[in-house]
Protein backbone atom coordinates (compact mmCIF):
# COMPACT_ATOMS: atom_id res chain seq x y z
CA MET A 1 148.23 143.93 196.50
CA SER A 2 151.47 145.45 194.88
CA ILE A 3 154.36 143.55 193.06
CA GLN A 4 157.53 145.16 193.04
CA PHE A 5 161.02 144.51 190.95
CA PRO A 6 163.28 146.72 193.51
CA ASN A 7 166.10 146.53 191.05
CA LEU A 8 164.64 147.13 188.11
CA GLY A 9 162.84 150.19 189.36
CA ILE A 10 159.49 148.86 189.01
CA ASN A 11 156.61 149.12 191.34
CA LEU A 12 152.80 147.66 190.54
CA ASP A 13 150.85 149.13 193.27
CA TYR A 14 147.89 146.77 192.37
CA VAL A 15 148.18 143.34 190.75
CA GLY A 16 144.71 141.45 191.08
CA LYS A 17 144.22 137.82 190.59
CA SER A 18 140.63 137.92 188.81
CA ILE A 19 138.03 140.36 187.21
CA ARG A 20 134.27 139.85 187.55
CA ILE A 21 131.83 139.61 184.03
CA PHE A 22 128.26 140.11 184.63
CA GLY A 23 128.76 138.85 188.20
CA PHE A 24 130.98 135.91 187.21
CA GLU A 25 134.86 135.70 188.11
CA ILE A 26 137.32 135.13 185.65
CA THR A 27 141.06 134.84 186.73
CA PHE A 28 143.69 136.18 185.10
CA PHE A 29 145.85 132.88 184.88
CA GLY A 30 142.46 131.35 183.22
CA LEU A 31 142.51 134.32 180.35
CA LEU A 32 146.06 134.35 179.78
CA ILE A 33 146.07 130.40 179.31
CA ALA A 34 143.25 130.75 177.10
CA ALA A 35 144.52 133.78 175.10
CA GLY A 36 148.07 131.63 174.44
CA MET A 37 145.96 128.52 173.25
CA LEU A 38 144.08 130.45 170.95
CA LEU A 39 147.43 132.45 169.57
CA GLY A 40 148.90 129.05 169.18
CA LEU A 41 146.25 127.07 167.64
CA GLY A 42 146.27 130.20 165.19
CA PHE A 43 149.57 129.82 164.34
CA ILE A 44 149.27 126.12 164.16
CA VAL A 45 146.89 126.59 161.51
CA LEU A 46 148.42 129.50 159.54
CA GLU A 47 151.60 127.32 159.82
CA ALA A 48 149.75 124.12 158.51
CA ARG A 49 148.43 126.36 155.22
CA ARG A 50 152.04 127.76 154.73
CA CYS A 51 153.23 123.41 154.42
CA GLY A 52 150.57 122.60 152.29
CA GLU A 53 148.59 120.57 154.92
CA LYS A 54 144.83 120.32 155.81
CA GLU A 55 143.88 122.84 158.43
CA ASP A 56 140.93 121.14 159.32
CA ASP A 57 143.01 118.03 160.60
CA TYR A 58 145.17 119.96 163.00
CA LEU A 59 141.85 121.64 164.59
CA GLU A 60 140.61 118.54 165.34
CA MET A 61 143.75 116.89 166.85
CA MET A 62 144.31 120.31 168.78
CA ILE A 63 140.26 119.76 170.37
CA LEU A 64 141.14 116.29 171.13
CA SER A 65 144.45 116.85 172.87
CA LEU A 66 143.00 119.78 174.80
CA VAL A 67 140.44 117.80 176.44
CA THR A 68 142.75 114.88 177.19
CA GLY A 69 145.61 117.47 178.14
CA VAL A 70 143.39 119.04 180.65
CA ILE A 71 142.87 115.37 182.64
CA GLY A 72 146.54 114.77 182.45
CA ALA A 73 147.59 118.23 183.87
CA ARG A 74 144.97 117.47 186.98
CA ALA A 75 145.67 113.93 187.24
CA LEU A 76 149.49 114.26 187.78
CA TYR A 77 148.86 117.30 190.37
CA VAL A 78 146.76 115.17 192.02
CA CYS A 79 148.82 112.27 191.94
CA PHE A 80 151.67 114.00 193.84
CA SER A 81 149.38 116.32 195.64
CA TRP A 82 146.88 113.41 197.05
CA ASN A 83 147.50 114.78 200.89
CA LEU A 84 145.36 117.67 199.91
CA TYR A 85 142.72 115.80 198.46
CA LYS A 86 142.15 112.55 200.37
CA GLY A 87 140.18 114.40 203.03
CA ASN A 88 137.84 115.79 199.98
CA VAL A 89 137.47 114.08 196.56
CA ASN A 90 134.85 116.19 195.17
CA GLN A 91 137.83 118.74 195.22
CA ILE A 92 139.59 117.02 192.64
CA PHE A 93 136.55 118.07 190.20
CA ASN A 94 137.20 121.45 190.86
CA LEU A 95 139.57 122.74 188.36
CA ARG A 96 139.01 126.64 189.21
CA GLY A 97 140.80 125.83 192.32
CA GLY A 98 144.02 125.43 190.56
CA GLY A 99 146.14 122.46 190.42
CA LEU A 100 147.48 121.53 186.78
CA ALA A 101 150.88 120.32 186.47
CA PHE A 102 152.37 120.92 182.61
CA TYR A 103 153.93 117.99 182.11
CA GLY A 104 150.66 115.80 182.79
CA GLY A 105 149.01 118.31 180.22
CA LEU A 106 151.66 117.29 177.71
CA PHE A 107 151.60 113.45 178.34
CA GLY A 108 147.94 113.74 178.18
CA GLY A 109 147.71 116.19 174.82
CA MET A 110 150.57 113.94 173.25
CA LEU A 111 148.30 110.44 173.94
CA GLY A 112 145.03 112.72 172.97
CA ALA A 113 147.38 113.17 169.51
CA ALA A 114 148.40 109.95 168.89
CA ILE A 115 144.86 108.49 169.20
CA TYR A 116 143.48 110.99 166.54
CA CYS A 117 146.69 110.15 163.94
CA ALA A 118 145.67 106.37 164.77
CA ILE A 119 142.14 106.87 163.69
CA ARG A 120 142.49 109.06 160.52
CA LYS A 121 145.36 107.23 159.42
CA LYS A 122 147.97 110.61 160.15
CA ALA A 123 152.09 110.95 160.44
CA PHE A 124 152.08 111.84 164.27
CA MET A 125 155.37 113.15 164.25
CA GLN A 126 154.96 115.14 161.18
CA MET A 127 152.02 116.63 162.46
CA ALA A 128 153.89 116.95 165.87
CA ASP A 129 156.54 119.21 164.53
CA THR A 130 153.86 121.81 163.69
CA ALA A 131 151.71 121.39 166.91
CA CYS A 132 154.45 121.90 169.36
CA MET A 133 155.21 125.16 167.95
CA GLY A 134 151.86 126.30 168.82
CA LEU A 135 152.65 124.72 172.54
CA VAL A 136 155.14 126.76 173.15
CA ILE A 137 153.22 130.04 172.30
CA ALA A 138 150.89 129.19 174.51
CA GLN A 139 153.65 128.53 177.25
CA ILE A 140 155.16 132.06 176.57
CA ILE A 141 151.78 133.80 177.19
CA GLY A 142 150.38 131.27 179.85
CA ARG A 143 153.52 131.55 182.34
CA TRP A 144 152.57 135.24 182.92
CA GLY A 145 149.44 133.84 184.88
CA ASP A 146 151.50 132.89 187.46
CA PHE A 147 152.65 136.07 188.03
CA PHE A 148 148.75 137.08 189.01
CA ASN A 149 148.57 133.75 190.84
CA ARG A 150 151.62 134.77 192.96
CA GLU A 151 153.08 131.35 191.70
CA SER A 152 156.20 129.47 190.33
CA PHE A 153 158.40 131.47 191.96
CA GLY A 154 162.31 130.61 193.33
CA GLU A 155 164.30 130.91 196.30
CA TYR A 156 165.83 134.29 197.76
CA THR A 157 167.66 136.35 195.83
CA ASN A 158 169.06 139.94 195.26
CA SER A 159 169.68 139.94 191.17
CA ILE A 160 168.72 142.23 188.87
CA PHE A 161 165.48 140.61 188.03
CA ALA A 162 164.69 140.10 192.06
CA MET A 163 161.21 139.83 192.42
CA GLN A 164 159.12 141.41 195.94
CA LEU A 165 155.69 139.65 196.80
CA PRO A 166 153.80 140.41 199.96
CA LEU A 167 154.12 137.41 202.68
CA SER A 168 150.18 137.03 202.98
CA ALA A 169 149.40 136.64 199.15
CA VAL A 170 151.98 133.88 199.15
CA ARG A 171 150.98 129.71 200.37
CA SER A 172 152.97 129.44 203.60
CA SER A 173 154.64 126.26 202.58
CA GLU A 174 156.22 127.70 199.93
CA VAL A 175 158.33 130.51 201.87
CA THR A 176 161.49 128.96 203.02
CA SER A 177 163.40 129.98 206.30
CA VAL A 178 165.95 131.57 203.71
CA MET A 179 162.83 133.58 202.67
CA ARG A 180 161.91 134.66 206.18
CA GLU A 181 165.24 135.47 207.10
CA ASN A 182 165.54 138.15 204.16
CA LEU A 183 162.06 139.39 204.64
CA GLU A 184 161.63 143.60 203.27
CA THR A 185 159.10 145.66 205.28
CA ILE A 186 157.81 148.19 203.12
CA GLY A 187 155.03 150.62 204.41
CA GLY A 188 154.40 148.08 207.20
CA VAL A 189 153.99 145.18 204.80
CA SER A 190 156.37 141.86 204.48
CA TYR A 191 157.74 141.33 201.50
CA ILE A 192 159.75 138.26 200.41
CA GLN A 193 162.38 139.04 197.57
CA VAL A 194 162.86 135.88 195.10
CA HIS A 195 163.82 134.70 191.71
CA PRO A 196 160.85 135.75 189.25
CA VAL A 197 161.32 131.62 187.48
CA PHE A 198 157.82 132.04 185.75
CA LEU A 199 159.73 135.22 183.84
CA TYR A 200 162.98 133.01 183.26
CA GLU A 201 161.28 129.91 181.80
CA SER A 202 158.48 132.60 179.46
CA LEU A 203 162.08 133.89 178.34
CA TRP A 204 163.35 130.24 177.74
CA CYS A 205 160.61 129.43 175.32
CA LEU A 206 160.44 132.47 173.76
CA LEU A 207 164.02 131.10 172.46
CA LEU A 208 162.95 127.91 171.81
CA PHE A 209 160.34 129.42 169.72
CA LEU A 210 162.69 131.03 167.71
CA LEU A 211 165.03 128.21 167.47
CA MET A 212 161.89 125.86 166.16
CA LEU A 213 161.56 128.44 163.21
CA VAL A 214 165.10 127.52 162.39
CA TRP A 215 164.75 124.21 162.69
CA LYS A 216 161.20 123.39 160.78
CA ARG A 217 162.74 124.85 157.80
CA LYS A 218 166.26 122.60 157.73
CA LYS A 219 164.56 119.64 159.15
CA ARG A 220 166.18 116.46 158.24
CA PHE A 221 163.06 114.09 159.43
CA HIS A 222 159.69 113.76 160.57
CA GLY A 223 159.60 114.64 164.46
CA GLU A 224 162.67 116.23 164.74
CA VAL A 225 161.41 119.74 165.45
CA PHE A 226 159.17 118.17 167.99
CA LEU A 227 161.96 115.82 169.97
CA ARG A 228 164.43 118.94 169.91
CA TYR A 229 162.00 121.01 171.37
CA LEU A 230 161.26 117.98 174.18
CA ALA A 231 164.75 118.07 174.83
CA GLY A 232 165.53 121.88 174.94
CA TYR A 233 162.52 122.24 177.20
CA GLY A 234 163.41 119.69 179.33
CA LEU A 235 166.76 121.22 179.85
CA GLY A 236 165.52 124.57 180.76
CA ARG A 237 162.87 122.74 183.23
CA PHE A 238 165.45 120.72 184.49
CA ILE A 239 167.75 123.96 185.76
CA LEU A 240 164.76 126.32 186.66
CA GLU A 241 163.15 123.39 189.36
CA TYR A 242 166.31 124.17 191.35
CA LEU A 243 165.14 127.44 191.87
CA ARG A 244 161.37 126.83 192.50
CA THR A 245 159.99 126.30 196.22
CA ASP A 246 156.49 125.04 195.15
CA LYS A 247 157.70 122.26 193.02
CA LEU A 248 156.04 118.79 193.35
CA THR A 249 157.96 116.25 194.76
CA ILE A 250 158.01 112.38 194.77
CA PRO A 251 156.24 111.22 198.21
CA GLY A 252 159.09 110.78 200.69
CA THR A 253 161.46 112.49 199.06
CA SER A 254 162.65 116.38 198.07
CA ILE A 255 163.29 115.34 194.60
CA GLY A 256 161.30 117.21 192.39
CA ILE A 257 159.11 115.01 190.11
CA CYS A 258 159.21 117.73 187.45
CA GLN A 259 162.99 117.63 187.43
CA VAL A 260 163.06 113.40 186.85
CA ILE A 261 160.58 114.09 183.67
CA SER A 262 163.00 117.24 182.66
CA ALA A 263 166.01 115.05 183.03
CA ALA A 264 164.76 111.78 181.10
CA LEU A 265 163.00 113.98 178.35
CA PHE A 266 166.46 115.51 177.35
CA LEU A 267 168.46 112.98 177.77
CA ILE A 268 166.16 110.44 175.46
CA CYS A 269 164.99 112.74 172.97
CA ALA A 270 168.83 114.22 172.70
CA VAL A 271 170.15 110.70 171.75
CA VAL A 272 167.10 110.04 169.16
CA VAL A 273 167.87 113.42 167.42
CA THR A 274 171.58 112.73 167.40
CA VAL A 275 170.81 109.40 166.05
CA GLU A 276 168.39 109.96 163.96
CA SER A 277 170.23 113.35 162.36
CA SER A 278 172.93 111.20 161.32
CA MET A 279 171.07 108.35 159.54
CA ALA A 280 169.49 111.61 157.84
CA LYS A 281 173.04 112.59 156.65
CA LYS A 282 173.79 109.41 155.44
CA ARG A 283 170.62 108.76 153.19
CA ALA A 284 170.79 112.07 152.11
CA ALA A 285 174.27 111.06 150.88
CA ARG A 286 173.37 108.06 149.46
CA ARG A 287 170.73 109.91 147.79
CA ARG A 288 173.40 112.44 145.98
CA ARG A 289 175.61 109.59 145.51
CA ARG A 290 172.67 107.90 143.34
CA ARG A 291 171.54 111.42 141.55
CA GLU A 292 175.57 111.73 140.68
CA GLN A 293 175.47 108.48 138.96
CA ASP A 294 172.49 108.82 137.11
CA TYR A 295 173.71 111.76 135.74
CA GLU A 296 176.79 110.20 134.87
CA ALA A 297 174.98 107.29 133.43
CA GLN A 298 172.87 109.93 131.30
CA GLU A 299 175.72 111.96 129.82
CA MET A 300 177.36 108.70 128.75
CA ALA A 301 173.90 107.54 126.99
CA ALA A 302 173.81 111.04 125.48
CA ARG A 303 177.24 110.82 124.32
CA GLN A 304 176.64 107.28 122.88
CA ALA A 305 173.49 108.50 121.27
CA GLU A 306 175.41 111.32 119.65
CA ALA A 307 178.04 108.80 118.62
CA GLU A 308 175.67 106.70 116.81
CA GLU A 309 174.12 109.76 115.08
CA TYR A 310 177.24 110.52 113.99
CA ARG A 311 178.32 107.31 112.42
CA ASP A 312 174.98 106.94 111.07
CA ARG A 313 175.02 110.68 109.15
CA LEU A 314 178.72 109.17 107.64
CA LYS A 315 176.95 106.69 106.27
CA LEU A 316 174.21 108.68 104.89
CA GLU A 317 176.92 110.66 103.20
CA ARG A 318 178.84 108.09 101.73
CA ALA A 319 176.04 106.19 100.17
CA PHE A 320 174.75 109.70 99.02
CA ALA A 321 178.87 110.40 97.36
CA ASP A 322 178.74 106.69 95.95
CA GLU A 323 175.19 107.42 94.35
CA LYS A 324 176.25 110.38 92.61
CA LYS A 325 179.60 108.71 91.56
CA GLY A 326 177.22 106.06 89.71
CA SER A 327 179.26 103.53 91.94
CA VAL A 328 182.32 103.99 89.84
CA PRO A 329 185.92 103.84 91.74
CA GLU A 330 188.03 107.24 91.52
CA ALA A 331 191.54 106.76 90.01
CA TYR A 332 194.69 106.55 92.10
CA SER A 333 195.84 109.90 93.25
CA GLY A 334 198.71 108.86 95.36
CA SER A 335 197.61 109.85 99.04
CA VAL A 336 194.79 107.60 99.28
CA PRO A 337 194.07 103.73 98.18
CA VAL A 338 193.15 102.89 94.66
CA TYR A 339 189.76 101.59 95.19
CA GLU A 340 188.87 103.32 98.90
CA SER A 341 185.58 104.05 97.65
CA GLN A 342 183.79 100.61 97.73
CA GLU A 343 179.79 100.45 98.39
CA GLU A 344 179.46 99.53 102.08
CA GLU A 345 177.40 96.26 102.71
CA SER A 346 174.09 96.33 104.55
CA THR A 347 175.68 94.30 107.83
CA GLN A 348 178.08 97.21 108.81
CA ASP A 349 175.16 98.28 110.83
CA ASP A 350 176.64 96.66 113.67
CA PRO A 351 179.47 98.57 115.47
CA LYS A 352 181.48 95.24 115.81
CA GLU A 353 181.38 94.51 111.93
CA GLU A 354 182.19 98.05 111.09
CA GLU A 355 185.34 97.73 113.13
CA THR A 356 186.16 94.69 111.28
CA ALA A 357 185.58 96.10 108.40
CA GLY A 358 187.84 99.49 109.37
CA SER A 359 191.03 97.12 110.53
CA ALA A 360 190.41 95.30 106.92
CA SER A 361 190.30 98.77 104.85
CA ASP A 362 193.43 99.61 106.67
CA GLN A 363 195.34 96.76 105.52
CA MET A 364 193.94 96.98 102.31
CA GLU A 365 195.16 100.61 102.29
CA GLU A 366 198.82 99.33 103.24
CA ALA A 367 199.15 96.93 100.53
CA ALA A 368 197.97 99.08 98.38
CA LYS A 369 200.75 101.45 98.73
CA ASP A 370 203.12 98.39 98.78
CA GLY A 371 201.63 97.65 95.57
CA TYR A 372 202.03 101.59 94.63
CA GLU A 373 205.70 101.62 95.21
CA GLU A 374 206.20 98.56 93.00
CA VAL A 375 204.26 99.90 90.32
CA SER A 376 206.22 103.02 90.52
CA GLU A 377 209.73 100.78 90.13
CA ASN A 378 208.45 98.99 87.28
CA GLN A 379 207.25 102.27 85.25
CA GLU A 380 210.69 103.50 85.44
CA ALA A 381 212.23 100.48 83.93
CA VAL A 382 209.38 100.36 81.55
CA ALA A 383 209.59 103.90 80.63
CA GLY A 384 213.56 103.68 79.80
CA GLU A 385 212.63 100.56 77.37
CA ASP A 386 210.16 102.53 75.95
CA ALA A 387 212.85 105.58 75.11
CA GLU A 388 215.32 103.01 73.74
CA THR A 389 212.64 101.21 71.47
CA GLU A 390 211.66 105.13 70.04
CA GLU A 391 214.61 106.20 69.24
CA THR A 392 215.40 102.79 67.18
CA ALA A 393 212.42 102.78 65.43
CA SER A 394 212.64 106.51 64.61
CA GLU A 395 216.56 105.35 63.25
CA GLU A 396 215.08 102.78 61.18
CA TYR A 397 212.05 104.65 59.96
CA GLU A 398 214.11 107.35 58.39
CA GLU A 399 216.63 105.03 56.90
CA ASN A 400 213.97 102.82 55.15
CA GLU A 401 211.23 104.96 53.31
CA GLY A 402 209.74 102.20 51.53
CA ASP A 403 206.82 100.11 52.23
CA GLU A 404 208.39 97.23 53.13
CA ALA A 405 210.47 98.99 55.50
CA VAL A 406 207.66 100.50 57.09
CA SER A 407 206.29 97.24 57.22
CA GLU A 408 209.06 95.78 59.06
CA GLU A 409 209.49 98.24 61.29
CA ALA A 410 205.72 97.93 62.32
CA LEU A 411 206.64 94.47 63.11
CA GLN A 412 209.46 95.53 65.03
CA GLU A 413 207.37 97.87 67.05
CA ASP A 414 204.67 95.31 67.06
CA GLY A 415 207.58 93.01 68.64
CA SER A 416 208.88 96.02 71.00
CA LEU A 417 205.09 96.56 71.94
CA GLN A 418 204.70 92.75 72.96
CA LYS A 419 208.00 93.15 75.13
CA ASP A 420 206.15 96.69 76.89
CA ASP A 421 203.12 94.48 77.33
CA SER A 422 205.26 91.74 79.53
CA ALA A 423 206.54 94.57 81.63
CA TYR A 424 202.96 95.52 82.26
CA GLU A 425 201.86 91.75 82.75
CA GLU A 426 204.04 92.29 85.77
CA VAL A 427 202.97 95.16 86.85
CA GLU A 428 199.15 93.66 86.71
CA GLU A 429 200.27 90.94 88.26
CA THR A 430 201.27 93.42 91.21
CA ALA A 431 197.92 95.52 91.39
CA ALA A 432 195.35 93.17 90.06
CA PRO A 433 194.77 91.93 93.83
CA TYR A 434 193.90 95.45 94.70
CA GLY A 435 192.38 97.09 91.17
CA THR A 436 190.80 94.36 89.87
CA GLU A 437 188.68 92.93 92.56
CA ALA A 438 187.85 96.38 94.04
CA ALA A 439 186.52 97.32 90.29
CA SER A 440 184.60 93.69 90.05
CA ALA A 441 183.17 94.56 93.85
CA ALA A 442 182.44 98.25 92.85
CA ASP A 443 179.85 97.18 90.05
CA PRO A 444 179.66 93.87 89.08
CA SER A 445 177.79 95.20 85.80
CA LEU A 446 181.09 96.16 84.19
CA SER A 447 182.19 94.64 80.57
CA GLU A 448 185.69 92.75 80.36
CA ASP A 449 186.98 96.15 78.49
CA ASP A 450 185.59 98.52 81.55
CA GLU A 451 186.99 96.12 84.13
CA TRP A 452 190.53 96.54 82.17
CA LEU A 453 190.16 99.82 82.17
CA TYR A 454 189.38 100.34 85.76
CA SER A 455 191.55 97.78 87.26
CA LYS A 456 194.72 99.75 87.21
CA PRO A 457 195.66 103.52 87.48
CA ARG A 458 194.32 105.16 84.34
CA ARG A 459 197.85 106.99 83.63
CA PHE A 460 199.28 103.52 83.22
CA ALA A 461 196.48 102.13 81.17
CA LYS A 462 196.78 100.50 77.71
CA LYS A 463 194.40 99.16 75.62
CA PRO A 464 194.32 95.97 74.45
CA ALA A 465 196.69 94.51 71.62
CA ASN A 466 193.49 94.15 69.26
CA GLU A 467 192.84 97.55 69.28
CA GLN A 468 196.45 99.07 69.25
CA LYS A 469 196.80 101.58 66.16
CA ASN A 470 200.29 102.36 64.91
C-alpha cells in the first residue's frame, strides 16, 4: 500500500511491512530496530575507546541491558493494554505480534546496567554518559520502523509534513472522528491525513544527539550527559504525546502514561542537573582558588630561597675578602666606619642574629662618624700648635748654633712634643672605643705596637715617644 506526503509532493506507491528470507518473514520494524542497536553499540565502543575506557565492559553491560530492556518494554505495554491479553495470556510472549513500550525498555535497560555495574564495581553514571549516546542513535533509526508499520501518527493536520495513510492499513481504534471527517479519497482508496509523529521524534532525537556530543566534552560531573538526555527526551516526548492517538493511557482516564513519565523525567532530571552543575562550579572555583594559593606559596618559597642564597653568597664574598686582606682592618677613608671589615661570627647564620648585628654595625658607624668629626677638630688644633712650635724651634736653632744650644733646643722640642702627645691622647680617647677594640677583635694575635698602629687612622699615627728621632 502507498504512503503519500501531499504537501511535499512525495508519493510512495508501495511500502511493505516485511520481507521474506528463506521462507521466514522479517518485518522492517525489526530490521530497523536491530540496525539501530548495532550502530549504537558500535558508537559506544568507539566512544569508550576514545575516552580510554574498556570496550569489553560496555559490551557486557549492553548485552545484559538489551535482555532486561526487551522484558521491560513488553511488560509495560502489557500492563496498560491488559484488555488485549487477558483472554489469551500466551500472546504476551508473542513479540513478533508487536507491542513494546519505549519507557519500559528504557527503565529495564537501566536496571540491567545498574545490576552489572554493582556486580563489577563500576561507576554507573559514568558508563551511562556513553551508553545513552548509543541509545539515541538506536532511537533515531528505530523510529522509522513505525513508518513501515503505519504506527505512531498523530491527529489530523494539513501542515507541510502531513502524511496520508490508507484507512484500511491502520487500526480502527486509532482513527478519530476528526480524521474520518477529513478523509481523502484517491483512486477509490480512502486516506487519513495525520501528523507523522515518528518523524518528529526521530528529528528530536537527532537534535539531542548533536547536543550530547557537545555536553560530553564539557561535562562537569559523571551522569550529566545521561541526565540531560532524560530531561531533553522527556520534554520532547511530553509535547509529542499530545499529538498521538495510539498512546497508552492510565486505565479509566484519558491521560497517557508516557506523558506522565515524560513530565516526571523532565522535572526531576532538570532539577538534579541544575543543582549538580552549580555544585560542580563551586567545586571548580574552590579548586582554582586552591591552585592559586599553592602557586603563590611556591612563589613565596622560591623568593625566600633566592634571598637566602643571596645572603649566603654575600657571606662567602665577605669571608674571601677578609681572608685575602689577612684580617687586617683598612685605614679610615672618611666615607665608611673606621673598622667596618671585621670578621663575622659563625652565629650570624641565623637571620634574626644577622639583623641584630646589622643594627649594631649601624650604631657603630654613627658613633665612628661622630668620633671622626671630633678627631678632625682636634687635628686642626694640633696642626696650629705644631706650626707655632716649628717656627719657635727654627728661630732658636738659628740663634744657638753650639752644642749646648742644640741640646737645649732638643729639650724644648721634647717638651713641645710631649704637649703634642697630650693633644693626641685626647684624640685617642675619642677614637679608642671604635679603633682599638675593632683592631683587637679583628686579629687577637697583633702585638702592642701593631695594636697601637692600627688603633687610629694612619694619617694621624705617631710612633711611641721612646722611638722618636730628632
